[in-house]
C-alpha atoms as a PDB file:
ATOM      1  CA  MET A   1       0.514   0.406  -0.192  1.00  0.00           C
ATOM      2  CA  GLU A   2       1.169   3.377  -1.352  1.00  0.00           C
ATOM      3  CA  ILE A   3       0.538   6.247   0.977  1.00  0.00           C
ATOM      4  CA  PHE A   4       1.997   9.356  -0.845  1.00  0.00           C
ATOM      5  CA  ARG A   5       2.734   9.587  -4.327  1.00  0.00           C
ATOM      6  CA  LYS A   6       5.206  11.464  -6.128  1.00  0.00           C
ATOM      7  CA  ASN A   7       4.368  13.852  -8.283  1.00  0.00           C
ATOM      8  CA  GLU A   8       7.171  17.003  -8.873  1.00  0.00           C
ATOM      9  CA  GLU A   9       6.209  17.582 -12.489  1.00  0.00           C
ATOM     10  CA  ALA A  10       3.975  20.579 -11.248  1.00  0.00           C
ATOM     11  CA  VAL A  11       5.944  22.143  -9.201  1.00  0.00           C
ATOM     12  CA  SER A  12       9.827  22.829 -11.465  1.00  0.00           C
ATOM     13  CA  PRO A  13       7.391  23.554 -14.770  1.00  0.00           C
ATOM     14  CA  VAL A  14       5.685  26.828 -12.425  1.00  0.00           C
ATOM     15  CA  ILE A  15       9.210  28.420 -10.636  1.00  0.00           C
ATOM     16  CA  GLY A  16      10.110  28.401 -13.890  1.00  0.00           C
ATOM     17  CA  VAL A  17       7.366  30.118 -15.675  1.00  0.00           C
ATOM     18  CA  ILE A  18       7.648  32.739 -13.233  1.00  0.00           C
ATOM     19  CA  LEU A  19      11.424  33.125 -12.808  1.00  0.00           C
ATOM     20  CA  MET A  20      11.437  33.544 -16.924  1.00  0.00           C
ATOM     21  CA  VAL A  21       8.208  36.325 -16.451  1.00  0.00           C
ATOM     22  CA  ALA A  22      10.495  38.358 -13.317  1.00  0.00           C
ATOM     23  CA  ILE A  23      13.449  38.489 -15.385  1.00  0.00           C
ATOM     24  CA  THR A  24      11.161  39.417 -18.496  1.00  0.00           C
ATOM     25  CA  VAL A  25      10.035  42.592 -16.478  1.00  0.00           C
ATOM     26  CA  ILE A  26      13.426  43.739 -15.214  1.00  0.00           C
ATOM     27  CA  LEU A  27      14.973  43.573 -18.072  1.00  0.00           C
ATOM     28  CA  ALA A  28      12.057  45.389 -20.427  1.00  0.00           C
ATOM     29  CA  ALA A  29      12.445  47.938 -16.846  1.00  0.00           C
ATOM     30  CA  VAL A  30      16.357  48.731 -17.325  1.00  0.00           C
ATOM     31  CA  ILE A  31      15.798  49.313 -21.286  1.00  0.00           C
ATOM     32  CA  ALA A  32      13.026  51.280 -20.965  1.00  0.00           C
ATOM     33  CA  ALA A  33      15.252  53.593 -18.230  1.00  0.00           C
ATOM     34  CA  PHE A  34      18.101  53.604 -21.392  1.00  0.00           C
ATOM     35  CA  VAL A  35      15.898  54.104 -23.856  1.00  0.00           C
ATOM     36  CA  PHE A  36      13.661  57.397 -22.459  1.00  0.00           C
ATOM     37  CA  GLY A  37      17.002  58.312 -20.460  1.00  0.00           C
ATOM     38  CA  LEU A  38      15.200  57.829 -16.661  1.00  0.00           C
ATOM     39  CA  GLY A  39      18.967  57.246 -15.677  1.00  0.00           C
ATOM     40  CA  GLY A  40      19.657  60.603 -16.231  1.00  0.00           C
ATOM     41  CA  THR A  41      23.199  62.427 -17.139  1.00  0.00           C
ATOM     42  CA  GLN A  42      24.769  64.188 -14.240  1.00  0.00           C
ATOM     43  CA  THR A  43      28.477  66.390 -14.887  1.00  0.00           C
ATOM     44  CA  ALA A  44      31.214  65.017 -12.808  1.00  0.00           C
ATOM     45  CA  ALA A  45      32.835  67.315 -10.879  1.00  0.00           C
ATOM     46  CA  PRO A  46      36.142  68.133 -11.857  1.00  0.00           C
ATOM     47  CA  THR A  47      39.008  67.377  -9.178  1.00  0.00           C
ATOM     48  CA  ALA A  48      41.281  70.097  -8.487  1.00  0.00           C
ATOM     49  CA  SER A  49      42.982  71.320  -4.575  1.00  0.00           C
ATOM     50  CA  ILE A  50      42.171  74.754  -4.527  1.00  0.00           C
ATOM     51  CA  THR A  51      43.090  77.004  -0.915  1.00  0.00           C
ATOM     52  CA  ALA A  52      42.609  80.172   0.467  1.00  0.00           C
ATOM     53  CA  ALA A  53      44.283  81.618   2.486  1.00  0.00           C
ATOM     54  CA  ASN A  54      45.779  84.917   3.887  1.00  0.00           C
ATOM     55  CA  ASN A  55      48.129  86.909   1.901  1.00  0.00           C
ATOM     56  CA  PRO A  56      51.684  86.786   3.015  1.00  0.00           C
ATOM     57  CA  ASP A  57      53.664  88.808  -0.580  1.00  0.00           C
ATOM     58  CA  THR A  58      51.024  91.608   0.757  1.00  0.00           C
ATOM     59  CA  PRO A  59      52.612  93.001   4.774  1.00  0.00           C
ATOM     60  CA  ASN A  60      51.186  96.364   4.580  1.00  0.00           C
ATOM     61  CA  VAL A  61      47.472  94.867   2.812  1.00  0.00           C
ATOM     62  CA  ILE A  62      44.832  93.054   4.378  1.00  0.00           C
ATOM     63  CA  ASP A  63      43.766  90.654   1.975  1.00  0.00           C
ATOM     64  CA  MET A  64      43.946  86.905   1.028  1.00  0.00           C
ATOM     65  CA  LYS A  65      44.986  84.234  -1.775  1.00  0.00           C
ATOM     66  CA  ILE A  66      43.274  81.805  -3.756  1.00  0.00           C
ATOM     67  CA  GLN A  67      45.145  80.092  -5.608  1.00  0.00           C
ATOM     68  CA  GLN A  68      45.133  76.377  -7.296  1.00  0.00           C
ATOM     69  CA  LYS A  69      47.507  74.225  -7.071  1.00  0.00           C
ATOM     70  CA  GLY A  70      45.932  71.213  -8.418  1.00  0.00           C
ATOM     71  CA  GLY A  71      44.315  69.650 -10.889  1.00  0.00           C
ATOM     72  CA  ASP A  72      40.968  70.033 -13.341  1.00  0.00           C
ATOM     73  CA  THR A  73      40.833  73.935 -14.990  1.00  0.00           C
ATOM     74  CA  LEU A  74      38.425  74.959 -14.294  1.00  0.00           C
ATOM     75  CA  LYS A  75      35.997  76.562 -17.564  1.00  0.00           C
ATOM     76  CA  ALA A  76      35.294  80.174 -17.998  1.00  0.00           C
ATOM     77  CA  GLY A  77      31.647  80.693 -16.694  1.00  0.00           C
ATOM     78  CA  ASP A  78      31.785  77.154 -15.096  1.00  0.00           C
ATOM     79  CA  TRP A  79      32.956  78.612 -11.112  1.00  0.00           C
ATOM     80  CA  LYS A  80      31.538  80.664  -8.713  1.00  0.00           C
ATOM     81  CA  LEU A  81      32.665  81.792  -6.136  1.00  0.00           C
ATOM     82  CA  SER A  82      31.394  83.687  -2.497  1.00  0.00           C
ATOM     83  CA  ILE A  83      33.500  85.776   0.074  1.00  0.00           C
ATOM     84  CA  VAL A  84      31.110  86.738   2.653  1.00  0.00           C
ATOM     85  CA  PRO A  85      32.029  87.487   6.444  1.00  0.00           C
ATOM     86  CA  VAL A  86      31.225  84.778   9.018  1.00  0.00           C
ATOM     87  CA  GLY A  87      28.082  83.954   9.756  1.00  0.00           C
ATOM     88  CA  THR A  88      26.425  85.742   6.758  1.00  0.00           C
ATOM     89  CA  SER A  89      24.971  83.756   3.622  1.00  0.00           C
ATOM     90  CA  PRO A  90      26.832  83.347   0.915  1.00  0.00           C
ATOM     91  CA  VAL A  91      26.801  85.423  -2.229  1.00  0.00           C
ATOM     92  CA  PHE A  92      28.654  84.531  -5.287  1.00  0.00           C
ATOM     93  CA  VAL A  93      30.087  86.067  -8.185  1.00  0.00           C
ATOM     94  CA  THR A  94      30.022  83.951 -11.803  1.00  0.00           C
ATOM     95  CA  SER A  95      33.500  83.380 -13.005  1.00  0.00           C
ATOM     96  CA  ALA A  96      34.270  85.287 -16.635  1.00  0.00           C
ATOM     97  CA  ALA A  97      32.844  83.969 -19.152  1.00  0.00           C
ATOM     98  CA  THR A  98      36.329  85.669 -21.615  1.00  0.00           C
ATOM     99  CA  ASN A  99      38.993  85.548 -19.648  1.00  0.00           C
ATOM    100  CA  GLY A 100      37.478  83.024 -16.259  1.00  0.00           C
ATOM    101  CA  ASN A 101      39.598  79.783 -16.625  1.00  0.00           C
ATOM    102  CA  PHE A 102      40.781  79.006 -13.254  1.00  0.00           C
ATOM    103  CA  SER A 103      44.244  76.301 -13.500  1.00  0.00           C
ATOM    104  CA  VAL A 104      46.870  75.392 -11.830  1.00  0.00           C
ATOM    105  CA  GLY A 105      48.721  78.241 -11.133  1.00  0.00           C
ATOM    106  CA  SER A 106      46.159  80.636 -10.968  1.00  0.00           C
ATOM    107  CA  GLN A 107      45.388  82.817  -7.954  1.00  0.00           C
ATOM    108  CA  ILE A 108      43.274  85.585  -7.063  1.00  0.00           C
ATOM    109  CA  ILE A 109      44.620  88.329  -5.641  1.00  0.00           C
ATOM    110  CA  ALA A 110      41.041  89.656  -3.210  1.00  0.00           C
ATOM    111  CA  ASN A 111      41.210  92.055  -1.775  1.00  0.00           C
ATOM    112  CA  VAL A 112      37.498  93.430  -1.712  1.00  0.00           C
ATOM    113  CA  THR A 113      35.821  95.941  -0.403  1.00  0.00           C
ATOM    114  CA  THR A 114      32.260  95.328   0.988  1.00  0.00           C
ATOM    115  CA  VAL A 115      28.851  95.357  -0.406  1.00  0.00           C
ATOM    116  CA  ASN A 116      25.653  95.987   1.262  1.00  0.00           C
ATOM    117  CA  GLY A 117      27.454  96.107   4.405  1.00  0.00           C
ATOM    118  CA  THR A 118      27.395  91.705   3.401  1.00  0.00           C
ATOM    119  CA  ALA A 119      29.390  90.285   0.220  1.00  0.00           C
ATOM    120  CA  VAL A 120      32.464  91.308  -1.147  1.00  0.00           C
ATOM    121  CA  THR A 121      33.881  91.055  -4.315  1.00  0.00           C
ATOM    122  CA  VAL A 122      36.977  89.824  -5.117  1.00  0.00           C
ATOM    123  CA  THR A 123      39.032  92.691  -7.671  1.00  0.00           C
ATOM    124  CA  SER A 124      40.366  89.876 -10.344  1.00  0.00           C
ATOM    125  CA  SER A 125      39.602  89.342 -14.257  1.00  0.00           C
ATOM    126  CA  LEU A 126      38.486  86.199 -13.716  1.00  0.00           C
ATOM    127  CA  VAL A 127      35.687  87.183 -11.731  1.00  0.00           C
ATOM    128  CA  SER A 128      32.913  88.799 -13.776  1.00  0.00           C
ATOM    129  CA  ASP A 129      31.489  91.624 -11.774  1.00  0.00           C
ATOM    130  CA  SER A 130      35.021  93.231 -10.172  1.00  0.00           C
ATOM    131  CA  THR A 131      33.992  96.342 -10.510  1.00  0.00           C
ATOM    132  CA  ALA A 132      31.316  96.238  -8.100  1.00  0.00           C
ATOM    133  CA  GLY A 133      30.729  97.220  -4.840  1.00  0.00           C
ATOM    134  CA  SER A 134      31.738 100.076  -2.631  1.00  0.00           C
ATOM    135  CA  GLY A 135      32.198 100.338   0.724  1.00  0.00           C
ATOM    136  CA  PRO A 136      35.143  99.683   3.482  1.00  0.00           C
ATOM    137  CA  ASN A 137      37.657  97.816   3.084  1.00  0.00           C
ATOM    138  CA  MET A 138      38.550  94.075   4.934  1.00  0.00           C
ATOM    139  CA  VAL A 139      38.831  94.634   8.866  1.00  0.00           C
ATOM    140  CA  SER A 140      42.089  93.604   9.930  1.00  0.00           C
ATOM    141  CA  GLY A 141      41.345  89.615  11.807  1.00  0.00           C
ATOM    142  CA  GLY A 142      38.622  90.163   9.788  1.00  0.00           C
ATOM    143  CA  LYS A 143      37.185  85.898   8.960  1.00  0.00           C
ATOM    144  CA  TYR A 144      36.325  85.495   5.913  1.00  0.00           C
ATOM    145  CA  ASP A 145      33.965  82.348   4.748  1.00  0.00           C
ATOM    146  CA  VAL A 146      35.632  81.519   0.906  1.00  0.00           C
ATOM    147  CA  LYS A 147      33.371  79.132  -0.725  1.00  0.00           C
ATOM    148  CA  LEU A 148      34.175  78.178  -4.412  1.00  0.00           C
ATOM    149  CA  ILE A 149      31.080  76.153  -6.987  1.00  0.00           C
ATOM    150  CA  HIS A 150      31.365  74.639  -9.599  1.00  0.00           C
ATOM    151  CA  VAL A 151      28.012  75.235 -12.038  1.00  0.00           C
ATOM    152  CA  PRO A 152      27.203  72.074 -13.742  1.00  0.00           C
ATOM    153  CA  SER A 153      27.928  70.458 -11.512  1.00  0.00           C
ATOM    154  CA  ASN A 154      26.371  71.604  -8.153  1.00  0.00           C
ATOM    155  CA  ALA A 155      30.357  70.878  -6.413  1.00  0.00           C
ATOM    156  CA  MET A 156      31.360  72.554  -3.458  1.00  0.00           C
ATOM    157  CA  LEU A 157      35.473  72.661  -4.979  1.00  0.00           C
ATOM    158  CA  LEU A 158      36.236  74.949  -1.611  1.00  0.00           C
ATOM    159  CA  ASP A 159      34.668  75.738   1.883  1.00  0.00           C
ATOM    160  CA  THR A 160      36.705  77.468   4.436  1.00  0.00           C
ATOM    161  CA  VAL A 161      36.976  80.605   6.711  1.00  0.00           C
ATOM    162  CA  VAL A 162      40.247  82.230   5.760  1.00  0.00           C
ATOM    163  CA  GLU A 163      41.131  85.378   8.635  1.00  0.00           C
ATOM    164  CA  VAL A 164      43.015  88.165   7.505  1.00  0.00           C
ATOM    165  CA  ARG A 165      45.664  90.612   8.998  1.00  0.00           C
END
């Protein structure tokens, strides 16, 4: 007398069909994402070593030096700079469209003045808005928040505080 009868034929085909349908759906979703551009394209951030510090080359002038020490060139119009007193919201100035390339060895000497009491404007040919602003110069011993952003990738390449002397 046989109590249990084995019928293994129905198990494998059902699991096989389920797996085939799942694989087909996943492949269709991946192909659709590429075809319709759902993945999107994102600009890669450049790699650059940028420093900002009190300028030792001008002992009697209150200013700072921002230097590109290595890495990729930041193309004209693709980066923006903000120098504001610490605790103030950033106010960015876009790089000049014609001669605003910031490459290895480039530097910005920022002898700046305040704009409306908060933002500062750089007097450099690399920055497009170099003539704006009026008011007192930077204060000796003042701390300034320096930020540099690569616009296409929206990557922060420099975020530091500089105390000018």
